[in-house]
Structures are given as C-alpha cells and as structure tokens.
C-alpha cells in the first residue's frame, strides 16, 4: 500500500513538473500567437486546422512550450516544424477537397 502511495505521489510530482514551464490557464494566448504567425501564409481556417492537428499530435503542453519559446517565429524556427508541415499538407488538401 505504501509503495502505491509513493508511486502516485511521484506521478503527481512528475506531472506538475512537466507543466511548470507554461501556464495552461492562458492557453488562448498561445493559440492566438500561433494563429497570428500562421496567418501570414494561410487562411484562418487552415491555420486553425493546423493548430488542432499539431496539438493532437504532440499535446497542448508541448505546443504551448514551443509557442512560448519561439513566439511569432513558431512556423519556421522550432523543433515541431515537421508536425506543422505535416499538418499544413493535410489541412491544405482538406481545404482543396472542399473547394
């Protein structure tokens, strides 16, 4: 029983530490920054699609950390560029199929 308690406590501490870098209560700010950066080369609909696909692939916390680190340069200067590029291809194809 004690081992179970220690494991649960350790997991809780790990989860708290993992999210210490960004304030997820201000999630809209990270999303707004991403959408602003994305809008320079795509429609608002495509940008929202890309953002949602990236968040699904890497988690919102990882997404927010990258936006926090790179700000408006998020579209090109970050470690999630492959996820963004993959999402852009998907969303562009989806938009083309609708039009």
Protein backbone atom coordinates (compact mmCIF):
# COMPACT_ATOMS: atom_id res chain seq x y z
CA UNK A 1 0.00 0.00 0.00
CA UNK A 2 2.83 2.38 0.86
CA UNK A 3 4.55 1.65 -2.46
CA UNK A 4 1.33 2.53 -4.28
CA UNK A 5 1.13 5.84 -2.41
CA UNK A 6 4.74 6.68 -3.24
CA UNK A 7 4.16 5.86 -6.88
CA UNK A 8 1.03 8.01 -7.04
CA UNK A 9 2.87 10.86 -5.30
CA UNK A 10 5.80 10.53 -7.70
CA UNK A 11 3.48 10.64 -10.71
CA UNK A 12 1.72 13.72 -9.38
CA UNK A 13 5.06 15.45 -8.84
CA UNK A 14 6.23 14.48 -12.32
CA UNK A 15 3.03 15.81 -13.89
CA UNK A 16 3.35 19.10 -12.00
CA UNK A 17 6.98 19.44 -13.04
CA UNK A 18 6.24 18.66 -16.68
CA UNK A 19 3.76 21.53 -16.94
CA UNK A 20 5.73 24.05 -14.88
CA UNK A 21 7.11 25.76 -17.99
CA UNK A 22 3.86 27.11 -19.38
CA UNK A 23 0.69 28.40 -17.82
CA UNK A 24 -2.02 26.29 -19.44
CA UNK A 25 -4.68 28.52 -17.91
CA UNK A 26 -3.64 31.06 -20.56
CA UNK A 27 -4.00 28.58 -23.42
CA UNK A 28 -5.76 31.09 -25.62
CA UNK A 29 -2.69 33.33 -25.65
CA UNK A 30 -0.54 30.52 -27.07
CA UNK A 31 -3.17 29.72 -29.66
CA UNK A 32 -3.61 33.38 -30.63
CA UNK A 33 0.15 33.75 -31.11
CA UNK A 34 0.25 30.65 -33.30
CA UNK A 35 -2.74 31.80 -35.36
CA UNK A 36 -1.16 35.23 -35.85
CA UNK A 37 2.10 33.68 -37.05
CA UNK A 38 0.29 31.24 -39.31
CA UNK A 39 -1.96 33.92 -40.85
CA UNK A 40 0.98 35.36 -42.78
CA UNK A 41 0.78 32.44 -45.20
CA UNK A 42 -2.59 30.74 -44.83
CA UNK A 43 -6.28 31.31 -44.24
CA UNK A 44 -7.69 31.45 -40.72
CA UNK A 45 -9.50 28.16 -41.33
CA UNK A 46 -6.32 26.40 -42.45
CA UNK A 47 -4.37 27.85 -39.52
CA UNK A 48 -6.94 26.59 -37.00
CA UNK A 49 -6.85 23.17 -38.66
CA UNK A 50 -3.05 23.09 -38.48
CA UNK A 51 -3.03 24.16 -34.84
CA UNK A 52 -5.56 21.50 -33.86
CA UNK A 53 -3.65 18.74 -35.70
CA UNK A 54 -0.36 19.76 -34.08
CA UNK A 55 -1.94 19.87 -30.62
CA UNK A 56 -3.36 16.37 -31.19
CA UNK A 57 -0.01 15.04 -32.32
CA UNK A 58 2.33 16.49 -29.68
CA UNK A 59 -0.03 17.57 -26.82
CA UNK A 60 -1.17 21.03 -25.91
CA UNK A 61 1.58 21.46 -23.29
CA UNK A 62 4.35 20.70 -25.79
CA UNK A 63 2.67 23.01 -28.32
CA UNK A 64 2.42 25.84 -25.75
CA UNK A 65 6.07 25.38 -24.74
CA UNK A 66 7.17 25.76 -28.37
CA UNK A 67 5.00 28.85 -28.90
CA UNK A 68 6.33 30.29 -25.64
CA UNK A 69 9.91 29.62 -26.78
CA UNK A 70 9.58 30.89 -30.37
CA UNK A 71 6.66 33.32 -30.42
CA UNK A 72 5.79 34.59 -33.89
CA UNK A 73 8.68 32.57 -35.37
CA UNK A 74 6.83 29.37 -34.46
CA UNK A 75 6.09 28.43 -38.08
CA UNK A 76 9.73 28.02 -39.10
CA UNK A 77 12.14 28.08 -36.15
CA UNK A 78 11.22 25.23 -33.85
CA UNK A 79 11.52 21.57 -33.13
CA UNK A 80 7.90 20.89 -34.11
CA UNK A 81 8.36 22.05 -37.70
CA UNK A 82 7.81 18.51 -39.06
CA UNK A 83 4.48 18.29 -37.22
CA UNK A 84 3.48 21.72 -38.53
CA UNK A 85 4.47 20.85 -42.11
CA UNK A 86 2.58 17.55 -41.98
CA UNK A 87 -0.50 19.31 -40.59
CA UNK A 88 -0.25 22.01 -43.29
CA UNK A 89 -0.21 19.38 -46.04
CA UNK A 90 -3.24 17.64 -44.53
CA UNK A 91 -5.20 20.86 -43.98
CA UNK A 92 -4.37 22.25 -47.44
CA UNK A 93 -5.54 19.00 -49.04
CA UNK A 94 -8.69 19.06 -46.96
CA UNK A 95 -9.40 22.67 -47.96
CA UNK A 96 -8.80 21.87 -51.64
CA UNK A 97 -11.25 18.97 -51.47
CA UNK A 98 -13.94 21.28 -50.06
CA UNK A 99 -13.42 23.93 -52.74
